[in-house]
């Protein structure tokens, strides 16, 4: 059995799987089926939360199962999950992504902001 959570932020929704030791593996087809709105849970994306070298990592996949660098709304949902569940204290911290390290400001409650870097 896999313990998953459903979260949403700014009109996007996500399935989150907390797997800090990176023991679980999901194929692109499995992620696509989980994210399917007709036969699965239904979501815009799939986030596996991993801890690598003592830092949080966002293993993000789109609903079609393809891997992506990251998702701006998804990283905020991930940050709220980490803080609300006691895995990370509120404040300013970073989350690593395939698109590099992103710095977030995470209050105890309310809106989370993230520095996504320069627009190109």
N, C-alpha and C. Protein backbone atom coordinates (compact mmCIF):
# COMPACT_ATOMS: atom_id res chain seq x y z
N UNK A 1 0.83 -1.17 0.00
CA UNK A 1 0.00 0.00 0.00
C UNK A 1 0.89 1.25 0.00
N UNK A 2 0.49 2.24 -0.76
CA UNK A 2 1.23 3.50 -0.85
C UNK A 2 0.42 4.58 -0.15
N UNK A 3 1.07 5.34 0.70
CA UNK A 3 0.42 6.44 1.39
C UNK A 3 0.60 7.70 0.56
N UNK A 4 -0.49 8.17 -0.02
CA UNK A 4 -0.45 9.36 -0.88
C UNK A 4 -1.38 10.42 -0.33
N UNK A 5 -1.12 11.65 -0.72
CA UNK A 5 -1.92 12.80 -0.31
C UNK A 5 -2.31 13.57 -1.57
N UNK A 6 -3.47 14.19 -1.51
CA UNK A 6 -3.95 15.02 -2.61
C UNK A 6 -3.88 16.48 -2.14
N UNK A 7 -3.31 17.35 -2.98
CA UNK A 7 -3.23 18.76 -2.62
C UNK A 7 -3.49 19.64 -3.82
N UNK A 8 -3.86 20.89 -3.55
CA UNK A 8 -4.11 21.82 -4.65
C UNK A 8 -3.58 23.20 -4.32
N UNK A 9 -3.22 23.93 -5.36
CA UNK A 9 -2.74 25.29 -5.20
C UNK A 9 -2.96 26.07 -6.48
N UNK A 10 -3.64 27.19 -6.37
CA UNK A 10 -3.90 28.10 -7.49
C UNK A 10 -4.43 27.34 -8.71
N UNK A 11 -5.52 26.62 -8.51
CA UNK A 11 -6.26 25.93 -9.57
C UNK A 11 -5.50 24.77 -10.21
N UNK A 12 -4.47 24.26 -9.56
CA UNK A 12 -3.81 23.03 -9.98
C UNK A 12 -3.88 22.04 -8.83
N UNK A 13 -4.00 20.75 -9.17
CA UNK A 13 -4.06 19.74 -8.12
C UNK A 13 -2.99 18.68 -8.38
N UNK A 14 -2.58 18.04 -7.27
CA UNK A 14 -1.43 17.15 -7.32
C UNK A 14 -1.63 15.95 -6.40
N UNK A 15 -1.05 14.83 -6.81
CA UNK A 15 -0.92 13.68 -5.93
C UNK A 15 0.51 13.75 -5.39
N UNK A 16 0.65 13.68 -4.07
CA UNK A 16 1.97 13.73 -3.42
C UNK A 16 2.23 12.41 -2.73
N UNK A 17 3.43 11.88 -2.94
CA UNK A 17 3.86 10.66 -2.27
C UNK A 17 5.12 11.01 -1.49
N UNK A 18 5.06 10.84 -0.16
CA UNK A 18 6.20 11.13 0.70
C UNK A 18 7.08 9.88 0.74
N UNK A 19 8.25 9.99 0.11
CA UNK A 19 9.19 8.86 -0.01
C UNK A 19 10.61 9.36 0.22
N UNK A 20 10.92 9.84 1.45
CA UNK A 20 12.21 10.48 1.69
C UNK A 20 13.41 9.59 1.38
N UNK A 21 13.27 8.29 1.51
CA UNK A 21 14.40 7.39 1.25
C UNK A 21 14.43 6.90 -0.20
N UNK A 22 13.51 7.39 -1.02
CA UNK A 22 13.46 7.06 -2.45
C UNK A 22 13.41 5.56 -2.69
N UNK A 23 12.50 4.90 -2.00
CA UNK A 23 12.36 3.45 -2.12
C UNK A 23 11.29 3.05 -3.13
N UNK A 24 10.40 3.96 -3.47
CA UNK A 24 9.30 3.64 -4.37
C UNK A 24 9.64 4.06 -5.80
N UNK A 25 9.15 3.27 -6.74
CA UNK A 25 9.38 3.57 -8.15
C UNK A 25 8.04 3.56 -8.88
N UNK A 26 7.83 4.55 -9.72
CA UNK A 26 6.60 4.66 -10.49
C UNK A 26 6.96 4.82 -11.96
N UNK A 27 6.36 4.00 -12.80
CA UNK A 27 6.58 4.13 -14.24
C UNK A 27 5.74 5.29 -14.77
N UNK A 28 6.08 5.75 -15.95
CA UNK A 28 5.31 6.81 -16.59
C UNK A 28 3.86 6.37 -16.76
N UNK A 29 3.64 5.12 -17.12
CA UNK A 29 2.28 4.60 -17.31
C UNK A 29 1.50 4.58 -15.99
N UNK A 30 2.15 4.21 -14.89
CA UNK A 30 1.48 4.21 -13.58
C UNK A 30 1.09 5.63 -13.19
N UNK A 31 1.98 6.58 -13.39
CA UNK A 31 1.68 7.98 -13.06
C UNK A 31 0.53 8.48 -13.91
N UNK A 32 0.54 8.16 -15.18
CA UNK A 32 -0.54 8.57 -16.10
C UNK A 32 -1.88 8.00 -15.61
N UNK A 33 -1.89 6.74 -15.17
CA UNK A 33 -3.13 6.13 -14.69
C UNK A 33 -3.59 6.74 -13.38
N UNK A 34 -2.67 7.05 -12.49
CA UNK A 34 -3.03 7.69 -11.21
C UNK A 34 -3.63 9.07 -11.47
N UNK A 35 -3.04 9.83 -12.39
CA UNK A 35 -3.48 11.20 -12.65
C UNK A 35 -4.71 11.29 -13.55
N UNK A 36 -5.14 10.18 -14.14
CA UNK A 36 -6.30 10.18 -15.03
C UNK A 36 -7.56 10.59 -14.27
N UNK A 37 -8.27 11.56 -14.78
CA UNK A 37 -9.46 12.09 -14.09
C UNK A 37 -10.68 11.19 -14.22
N UNK A 38 -10.68 10.26 -15.14
CA UNK A 38 -11.83 9.37 -15.30
C UNK A 38 -11.67 8.05 -14.56
N UNK A 39 -10.46 7.51 -14.52
CA UNK A 39 -10.27 6.20 -13.91
C UNK A 39 -9.28 6.18 -12.74
N UNK A 40 -8.59 7.30 -12.51
CA UNK A 40 -7.62 7.37 -11.42
C UNK A 40 -8.05 8.37 -10.37
N UNK A 41 -7.10 8.83 -9.59
CA UNK A 41 -7.37 9.87 -8.59
C UNK A 41 -7.73 11.17 -9.30
N UNK A 42 -6.99 11.46 -10.34
CA UNK A 42 -7.22 12.69 -11.10
C UNK A 42 -6.40 13.84 -10.54
N UNK A 43 -5.43 14.31 -11.35
CA UNK A 43 -4.64 15.46 -10.92
C UNK A 43 -3.86 16.01 -12.10
N UNK A 44 -3.34 17.22 -11.92
CA UNK A 44 -2.52 17.87 -12.94
C UNK A 44 -1.09 17.37 -12.92
N UNK A 45 -0.66 16.80 -11.80
CA UNK A 45 0.71 16.35 -11.69
C UNK A 45 0.91 15.40 -10.53
N UNK A 46 2.10 14.79 -10.50
CA UNK A 46 2.46 13.78 -9.51
C UNK A 46 3.79 14.21 -8.90
N UNK A 47 3.83 14.33 -7.58
CA UNK A 47 5.03 14.77 -6.88
C UNK A 47 5.48 13.68 -5.91
N UNK A 48 6.69 13.18 -6.12
CA UNK A 48 7.30 12.28 -5.15
C UNK A 48 8.30 13.10 -4.36
N UNK A 49 8.12 13.13 -3.05
CA UNK A 49 8.96 13.94 -2.16
C UNK A 49 10.10 13.06 -1.65
N UNK A 50 11.32 13.45 -2.02
CA UNK A 50 12.52 12.67 -1.72
C UNK A 50 13.48 13.54 -0.90
N UNK A 51 14.31 12.90 -0.13
CA UNK A 51 15.40 13.61 0.55
C UNK A 51 16.71 13.08 -0.01
N UNK A 52 17.49 13.95 -0.65
CA UNK A 52 18.78 13.59 -1.22
C UNK A 52 19.86 14.45 -0.59
N UNK A 53 20.89 13.83 -0.05
CA UNK A 53 22.00 14.56 0.56
C UNK A 53 21.50 15.60 1.57
N UNK A 54 20.56 15.17 2.40
CA UNK A 54 19.98 16.00 3.48
C UNK A 54 19.17 17.18 2.96
N UNK A 55 18.79 17.19 1.69
CA UNK A 55 17.99 18.27 1.11
C UNK A 55 16.74 17.67 0.46
N UNK A 56 15.64 18.40 0.53
CA UNK A 56 14.41 17.95 -0.11
C UNK A 56 14.54 18.06 -1.62
N UNK A 57 13.96 17.08 -2.33
CA UNK A 57 13.97 17.06 -3.79
C UNK A 57 12.55 16.81 -4.29
N UNK A 58 12.13 17.61 -5.25
CA UNK A 58 10.82 17.48 -5.88
C UNK A 58 10.97 16.63 -7.14
N UNK A 59 10.53 15.38 -7.07
CA UNK A 59 10.52 14.49 -8.24
C UNK A 59 9.15 14.67 -8.88
N UNK A 60 9.08 15.55 -9.88
CA UNK A 60 7.80 15.96 -10.47
C UNK A 60 7.56 15.31 -11.82
N UNK A 61 6.33 14.84 -12.02
CA UNK A 61 5.89 14.32 -13.31
C UNK A 61 4.57 14.97 -13.68
N UNK A 62 4.41 15.26 -14.97
CA UNK A 62 3.14 15.76 -15.49
C UNK A 62 2.10 14.64 -15.47
N UNK A 63 0.85 15.01 -15.67
CA UNK A 63 -0.25 14.04 -15.64
C UNK A 63 -0.11 12.97 -16.72
N UNK A 64 0.61 13.26 -17.80
CA UNK A 64 0.79 12.26 -18.86
C UNK A 64 1.96 11.32 -18.58
N UNK A 65 2.58 11.45 -17.41
CA UNK A 65 3.67 10.57 -16.99
C UNK A 65 5.06 11.06 -17.35
N UNK A 66 5.16 12.14 -18.13
CA UNK A 66 6.48 12.66 -18.48
C UNK A 66 7.08 13.43 -17.32
N UNK A 67 8.40 13.30 -17.16
CA UNK A 67 9.08 14.05 -16.11
C UNK A 67 9.23 15.50 -16.54
N UNK A 68 9.18 16.39 -15.56
CA UNK A 68 9.37 17.81 -15.82
C UNK A 68 10.39 18.36 -14.83
N UNK A 69 10.95 19.53 -15.15
CA UNK A 69 11.93 20.14 -14.25
C UNK A 69 11.32 20.43 -12.89
N UNK A 70 10.13 21.01 -12.90
CA UNK A 70 9.44 21.35 -11.66
C UNK A 70 8.11 21.99 -12.01
N UNK A 71 7.34 22.36 -11.02
CA UNK A 71 6.07 23.05 -11.20
C UNK A 71 5.94 24.09 -10.10
N UNK A 72 5.70 25.34 -10.48
CA UNK A 72 5.61 26.42 -9.51
C UNK A 72 4.50 26.24 -8.49
N UNK A 73 3.32 25.87 -8.93
CA UNK A 73 2.24 25.62 -7.98
C UNK A 73 2.52 24.35 -7.17
N UNK A 74 3.07 23.35 -7.82
CA UNK A 74 3.36 22.09 -7.15
C UNK A 74 4.39 22.23 -6.05
N UNK A 75 5.40 23.05 -6.26
CA UNK A 75 6.44 23.21 -5.23
C UNK A 75 5.87 23.91 -4.00
N UNK A 76 4.91 24.80 -4.21
CA UNK A 76 4.27 25.45 -3.05
C UNK A 76 3.41 24.45 -2.28
N UNK A 77 2.71 23.57 -3.00
CA UNK A 77 1.91 22.53 -2.34
C UNK A 77 2.84 21.58 -1.57
N UNK A 78 3.96 21.23 -2.19
CA UNK A 78 4.94 20.37 -1.51
C UNK A 78 5.47 21.03 -0.25
N UNK A 79 5.79 22.31 -0.32
CA UNK A 79 6.31 23.03 0.84
C UNK A 79 5.28 23.06 1.97
N UNK A 80 4.01 23.29 1.64
CA UNK A 80 2.96 23.31 2.67
C UNK A 80 2.86 21.92 3.31
N UNK A 81 2.93 20.88 2.50
CA UNK A 81 2.90 19.51 3.02
C UNK A 81 4.04 19.30 4.02
N UNK A 82 5.26 19.65 3.62
CA UNK A 82 6.43 19.44 4.49
C UNK A 82 6.29 20.19 5.80
N UNK A 83 5.83 21.43 5.74
CA UNK A 83 5.70 22.25 6.95
C UNK A 83 4.55 21.77 7.83
N UNK A 84 3.39 21.53 7.23
CA UNK A 84 2.22 21.11 8.01
C UNK A 84 2.41 19.76 8.67
N UNK A 85 3.21 18.89 8.06
CA UNK A 85 3.42 17.54 8.61
C UNK A 85 4.64 17.49 9.54
N UNK A 86 5.31 18.62 9.74
CA UNK A 86 6.43 18.66 10.67
C UNK A 86 7.75 18.14 10.12
N UNK A 87 7.85 17.97 8.81
CA UNK A 87 9.10 17.51 8.20
C UNK A 87 10.09 18.65 7.98
N UNK A 88 9.57 19.88 7.97
CA UNK A 88 10.40 21.06 7.70
C UNK A 88 9.78 22.23 8.45
N UNK A 89 10.55 22.95 9.27
CA UNK A 89 9.98 24.11 9.95
C UNK A 89 9.64 25.22 8.96
N UNK A 90 8.67 26.03 9.34
CA UNK A 90 8.33 27.18 8.50
C UNK A 90 9.52 28.14 8.45
N UNK A 91 9.47 29.05 7.50
CA UNK A 91 10.57 30.00 7.32
C UNK A 91 11.05 29.99 5.89
N UNK A 92 12.28 30.34 5.69
CA UNK A 92 12.87 30.34 4.35
C UNK A 92 13.74 29.10 4.21
N UNK A 93 13.46 28.33 3.18
CA UNK A 93 14.26 27.13 2.91
C UNK A 93 14.22 26.82 1.42
N UNK A 94 14.99 25.83 1.02
CA UNK A 94 15.07 25.49 -0.40
C UNK A 94 14.59 24.07 -0.64
N UNK A 95 14.15 23.87 -1.88
CA UNK A 95 13.78 22.55 -2.39
C UNK A 95 14.51 22.39 -3.71
N UNK A 96 15.21 21.27 -3.87
CA UNK A 96 15.89 21.00 -5.13
C UNK A 96 14.91 20.42 -6.14
N UNK A 97 15.12 20.79 -7.40
CA UNK A 97 14.29 20.31 -8.50
C UNK A 97 15.21 19.96 -9.67
N UNK A 98 14.67 19.36 -10.70
CA UNK A 98 15.46 19.12 -11.90
C UNK A 98 15.88 20.43 -12.55
N UNK A 99 15.16 21.51 -12.24
CA UNK A 99 15.48 22.83 -12.75
C UNK A 99 16.36 23.64 -11.82
N UNK A 100 16.95 22.99 -10.82
CA UNK A 100 17.82 23.68 -9.88
C UNK A 100 17.16 23.89 -8.52
N UNK A 101 17.88 24.53 -7.63
CA UNK A 101 17.41 24.80 -6.28
C UNK A 101 16.48 26.01 -6.30
N UNK A 102 15.32 25.86 -5.64
CA UNK A 102 14.33 26.94 -5.54
C UNK A 102 14.19 27.32 -4.07
N UNK A 103 14.21 28.63 -3.81
CA UNK A 103 14.09 29.14 -2.45
C UNK A 103 12.66 29.60 -2.20
N UNK A 104 12.14 29.21 -1.04
CA UNK A 104 10.75 29.50 -0.70
C UNK A 104 10.67 30.22 0.63
N UNK A 105 9.63 31.01 0.77
CA UNK A 105 9.26 31.61 2.05
C UNK A 105 7.95 30.97 2.46
N UNK A 106 8.00 30.19 3.56
CA UNK A 106 6.86 29.38 3.97
C UNK A 106 6.43 29.81 5.38
N UNK A 107 5.35 30.60 5.48
CA UNK A 107 4.85 30.96 6.81
C UNK A 107 4.10 29.78 7.44
N UNK A 108 3.80 29.89 8.73
CA UNK A 108 3.03 28.84 9.40
C UNK A 108 1.68 28.63 8.73
N UNK A 109 1.08 29.70 8.25
CA UNK A 109 -0.17 29.62 7.50
C UNK A 109 -0.17 30.75 6.48
N UNK A 110 -1.02 30.65 5.50
CA UNK A 110 -1.09 31.69 4.48
C UNK A 110 -0.29 31.34 3.25
N UNK A 111 -0.08 32.34 2.42
CA UNK A 111 0.52 32.13 1.11
C UNK A 111 2.02 31.89 1.17
N UNK A 112 2.46 31.00 0.32
CA UNK A 112 3.87 30.65 0.18
C UNK A 112 4.40 31.33 -1.06
N UNK A 113 5.58 31.91 -0.97
CA UNK A 113 6.20 32.49 -2.18
C UNK A 113 7.46 31.71 -2.50
N UNK A 114 7.76 31.67 -3.81
CA UNK A 114 8.92 30.91 -4.28
C UNK A 114 9.64 31.74 -5.32
N UNK A 115 10.98 31.76 -5.23
CA UNK A 115 11.78 32.43 -6.23
C UNK A 115 12.08 31.41 -7.32
N UNK A 116 11.44 31.59 -8.47
CA UNK A 116 11.60 30.65 -9.57
C UNK A 116 12.77 30.99 -10.48
N UNK A 117 13.45 32.11 -10.23
CA UNK A 117 14.59 32.51 -11.05
C UNK A 117 14.16 33.41 -12.19
N UNK A 118 15.10 33.70 -13.06
CA UNK A 118 14.85 34.60 -14.18
C UNK A 118 14.00 33.93 -15.24
N UNK A 119 13.10 34.70 -15.82
CA UNK A 119 12.29 34.23 -16.92
C UNK A 119 13.11 34.26 -18.20
N UNK A 120 13.04 33.20 -18.98
CA UNK A 120 13.78 33.18 -20.23
C UNK A 120 12.85 32.84 -21.38
